[in-house]
């Protein structure tokens, strides 16, 4: 039996006297290229868009429609961590950096943050709680997951036009069969994460061959 996210985490925070509660989620930890994107969303309890759910469970058209509704009805901020930051920090720390940037970008600073996952960003200097599988449990986190997913997918479509052949408009940079084959045949772009094994191995092999 599948469940849909509700507003119980937010209401529990309200019951503790907290008034401005935001949900935070990131998208793009698994791809071989492109930034990691995080969104922070504070929903208006009286104007919650119907149908919020984990972005992965929604069809693209529904995700995009919901993202537009969320942007119109809520306090929303989106932030990124670049490929260079991912390679320098590691993907977990880069995703946490993007989350902190998103929270900092909200129009009003929240007094509590619901973070998807089992770890809190260490630089998030305010009241927060980690919610495992939060995008399927909290409407605020679900909203953040939808906005982040739509935002990142659009970035990858734009990058696909600059670097055709990798299928980023379809695979969003994830290591699909066609992406890996293109990586071997076309080589590594400036948008690929050099610290990720498939990319690193191709670079390493190229350096070995050239010697």
Protein backbone atom coordinates (compact mmCIF):
# COMPACT_ATOMS: atom_id res chain seq x y z
CA UNK A 1 0.00 0.00 0.00
CA UNK A 2 1.49 3.31 -1.09
CA UNK A 3 1.03 6.45 0.94
CA UNK A 4 1.06 10.07 -0.12
CA UNK A 5 2.79 12.88 1.76
CA UNK A 6 0.78 14.86 4.28
CA UNK A 7 1.23 17.96 6.45
CA UNK A 8 1.79 16.13 9.77
CA UNK A 9 5.50 16.99 10.13
CA UNK A 10 4.73 20.65 9.56
CA UNK A 11 1.77 20.58 11.98
CA UNK A 12 3.95 18.93 14.64
CA UNK A 13 6.41 21.81 14.28
CA UNK A 14 3.57 24.34 14.54
CA UNK A 15 2.44 22.60 17.75
CA UNK A 16 5.92 23.22 19.20
CA UNK A 17 5.54 26.95 18.55
CA UNK A 18 7.45 27.09 15.27
CA UNK A 19 5.73 29.21 12.66
CA UNK A 20 7.75 29.28 9.41
CA UNK A 21 8.52 25.71 8.35
CA UNK A 22 10.26 24.87 5.08
CA UNK A 23 10.91 21.58 3.32
CA UNK A 24 14.22 20.98 1.53
CA UNK A 25 15.22 18.37 -1.03
CA UNK A 26 17.92 17.91 -3.64
CA UNK A 27 18.04 16.31 -7.07
CA UNK A 28 21.04 15.10 -9.01
CA UNK A 29 23.29 13.11 -6.71
CA UNK A 30 23.47 10.14 -9.09
CA UNK A 31 24.15 11.68 -12.52
CA UNK A 32 27.61 11.74 -14.10
CA UNK A 33 27.29 15.37 -15.13
CA UNK A 34 25.60 18.66 -14.37
CA UNK A 35 25.04 20.43 -11.06
CA UNK A 36 23.22 19.12 -8.02
CA UNK A 37 20.10 21.22 -7.44
CA UNK A 38 18.26 21.86 -4.18
CA UNK A 39 14.96 23.58 -3.50
CA UNK A 40 13.52 24.98 -0.29
CA UNK A 41 9.74 25.46 -0.08
CA UNK A 42 7.57 26.98 2.62
CA UNK A 43 3.96 26.12 1.81
CA UNK A 44 1.05 28.31 2.78
CA UNK A 45 -1.15 25.88 4.80
CA UNK A 46 -4.25 27.45 3.23
CA UNK A 47 -2.98 27.22 -0.38
CA UNK A 48 -1.32 23.82 -0.69
CA UNK A 49 -1.47 22.60 -4.32
CA UNK A 50 -3.39 19.32 -4.53
CA UNK A 51 -1.56 16.21 -5.69
CA UNK A 52 1.87 16.82 -4.17
CA UNK A 53 3.99 13.67 -4.18
CA UNK A 54 7.52 12.40 -4.54
CA UNK A 55 8.70 13.88 -7.86
CA UNK A 56 9.87 10.45 -9.05
CA UNK A 57 6.27 9.16 -8.92
CA UNK A 58 4.89 11.92 -11.16
CA UNK A 59 4.77 12.13 -14.94
CA UNK A 60 6.77 15.00 -16.44
CA UNK A 61 3.74 17.07 -17.46
CA UNK A 62 2.22 16.75 -13.97
CA UNK A 63 5.55 17.66 -12.33
CA UNK A 64 5.87 20.79 -14.44
CA UNK A 65 2.31 21.87 -13.74
CA UNK A 66 2.77 21.35 -10.01
CA UNK A 67 6.11 23.20 -10.03
CA UNK A 68 4.39 26.23 -11.56
CA UNK A 69 1.65 26.07 -8.92
CA UNK A 70 4.18 25.76 -6.11
CA UNK A 71 6.16 28.74 -7.40
CA UNK A 72 2.95 30.80 -7.53
CA UNK A 73 1.61 29.81 -4.09
CA UNK A 74 4.66 29.30 -1.85
CA UNK A 75 7.92 30.87 -0.73
CA UNK A 76 10.42 29.03 -2.94
CA UNK A 77 14.17 29.21 -3.46
CA UNK A 78 16.36 27.08 -5.73
CA UNK A 79 20.14 26.75 -5.54
CA UNK A 80 22.89 24.70 -7.14
CA UNK A 81 26.30 23.30 -6.40
CA UNK A 82 28.50 23.17 -9.48
CA UNK A 83 30.37 20.27 -11.02
CA UNK A 84 33.61 21.85 -9.72
CA UNK A 85 32.19 21.94 -6.19
CA UNK A 86 31.00 18.33 -6.48
CA UNK A 87 34.49 17.20 -7.53
CA UNK A 88 36.16 19.25 -4.82
CA UNK A 89 33.86 18.50 -1.87
CA UNK A 90 32.23 15.14 -2.81
CA UNK A 91 28.61 14.73 -3.85
CA UNK A 92 27.13 14.52 -0.33
CA UNK A 93 28.78 17.74 0.86
CA UNK A 94 27.93 19.49 -2.41
CA UNK A 95 24.28 18.50 -2.10
CA UNK A 96 24.26 19.81 1.48
CA UNK A 97 25.84 23.06 0.24
CA UNK A 98 23.07 23.44 -2.34
CA UNK A 99 20.48 22.80 0.39
CA UNK A 100 21.97 25.50 2.62
CA UNK A 101 22.02 27.95 -0.29
CA UNK A 102 18.36 27.20 -1.05
CA UNK A 103 17.30 27.78 2.57
CA UNK A 104 19.27 31.04 2.63
CA UNK A 105 17.46 32.13 -0.53
CA UNK A 106 13.95 32.04 0.93
CA UNK A 107 12.20 35.40 1.20
CA UNK A 108 11.76 34.84 4.93
CA UNK A 109 14.23 32.85 7.02
CA UNK A 110 12.49 29.69 8.33
CA UNK A 111 12.51 28.82 12.01
CA UNK A 112 12.42 25.09 11.21
CA UNK A 113 13.54 23.03 8.22
CA UNK A 114 12.46 19.53 7.19
CA UNK A 115 15.34 17.94 5.27
CA UNK A 116 14.93 14.89 3.06
CA UNK A 117 17.28 12.06 4.04
CA UNK A 118 18.98 10.79 7.16
CA UNK A 119 21.63 13.49 7.59
CA UNK A 120 21.42 17.22 8.18
CA UNK A 121 23.80 19.65 6.46
CA UNK A 122 26.35 20.60 9.10
CA UNK A 123 26.25 24.28 8.05
CA UNK A 124 22.49 24.56 8.45
CA UNK A 125 22.53 26.78 11.52
CA UNK A 126 18.89 26.61 12.53
CA UNK A 127 16.27 24.22 13.87
CA UNK A 128 16.00 21.24 11.52
CA UNK A 129 15.08 17.58 11.35
CA UNK A 130 16.01 14.88 8.86
CA UNK A 131 13.07 12.96 7.42
CA UNK A 132 13.94 9.63 5.79
CA UNK A 133 12.04 9.29 2.49
CA UNK A 134 10.69 12.73 3.25
CA UNK A 135 9.58 13.40 -0.31
CA UNK A 136 6.97 10.64 0.16
CA UNK A 137 5.99 11.75 3.69
CA UNK A 138 6.05 15.55 3.94
CA UNK A 139 4.18 17.83 1.56
CA UNK A 140 6.79 20.57 1.96
CA UNK A 141 9.62 18.20 1.06
CA UNK A 142 7.57 16.74 -1.82
CA UNK A 143 7.06 20.26 -3.15
CA UNK A 144 10.81 20.90 -2.90
CA UNK A 145 11.55 17.66 -4.74
CA UNK A 146 9.21 18.64 -7.57
CA UNK A 147 10.67 22.12 -8.00
CA UNK A 148 14.27 20.84 -7.86
CA UNK A 149 13.58 18.05 -10.36
CA UNK A 150 11.90 20.33 -12.89
CA UNK A 151 14.64 22.95 -12.49
CA UNK A 152 17.47 20.45 -13.00
CA UNK A 153 15.79 18.71 -15.93
CA UNK A 154 15.58 22.06 -17.72
CA UNK A 155 19.27 22.69 -17.09
CA UNK A 156 20.12 19.31 -18.61
CA UNK A 157 17.93 19.97 -21.68
CA UNK A 158 19.83 23.24 -22.23
CA UNK A 159 23.19 21.50 -21.80
CA UNK A 160 22.09 18.76 -24.22
CA UNK A 161 21.70 21.39 -26.95
CA UNK A 162 25.28 22.51 -26.36
CA UNK A 163 26.63 18.95 -26.24
CA UNK A 164 24.48 16.72 -28.48
CA UNK A 165 24.88 12.98 -28.51
CA UNK A 166 24.85 12.21 -24.78
CA UNK A 167 21.07 12.09 -24.48
CA UNK A 168 20.93 14.45 -21.51
CA UNK A 169 17.51 15.69 -22.59
CA UNK A 170 16.29 12.12 -21.91
CA UNK A 171 18.61 10.74 -19.21
CA UNK A 172 19.28 13.99 -17.27
CA UNK A 173 22.92 12.95 -16.99
CA UNK A 174 22.31 9.62 -15.27
CA UNK A 175 24.60 6.72 -16.29
CA UNK A 176 22.26 5.09 -18.79
CA UNK A 177 23.57 2.77 -21.48
CA UNK A 178 23.39 5.47 -24.18
CA UNK A 179 25.11 8.03 -21.96
CA UNK A 180 27.97 5.66 -21.09
CA UNK A 181 28.39 4.72 -24.75
CA UNK A 182 28.50 8.39 -25.76
CA UNK A 183 31.00 9.08 -23.00
CA UNK A 184 33.32 6.43 -24.46
CA UNK A 185 32.81 7.56 -28.07
CA UNK A 186 32.57 11.34 -27.72
CA UNK A 187 34.70 11.86 -24.63
CA UNK A 188 34.36 13.85 -21.43
CA UNK A 189 32.75 17.32 -21.49
CA UNK A 190 33.42 20.19 -19.07
CA UNK A 191 30.07 19.34 -17.45
CA UNK A 192 31.07 15.80 -16.46
CA UNK A 193 31.97 15.04 -12.84
CA UNK A 194 35.57 13.92 -12.93
CA UNK A 195 35.42 12.39 -9.46
CA UNK A 196 32.74 9.89 -10.56
CA UNK A 197 34.19 6.51 -11.51
CA UNK A 198 32.91 6.09 -15.10
CA UNK A 199 34.22 9.55 -15.99
CA UNK A 200 37.46 9.17 -14.03
CA UNK A 201 38.20 5.81 -15.68
CA UNK A 202 37.79 7.24 -19.18
CA UNK A 203 40.06 10.16 -18.37
CA UNK A 204 42.62 7.84 -16.79
CA UNK A 205 42.55 5.47 -19.80
CA UNK A 206 42.98 8.41 -22.17
CA UNK A 207 46.00 9.64 -20.22
CA UNK A 208 47.48 6.12 -20.23
CA UNK A 209 46.99 5.75 -23.98
CA UNK A 210 48.58 9.15 -24.68
CA UNK A 211 51.77 8.33 -22.81
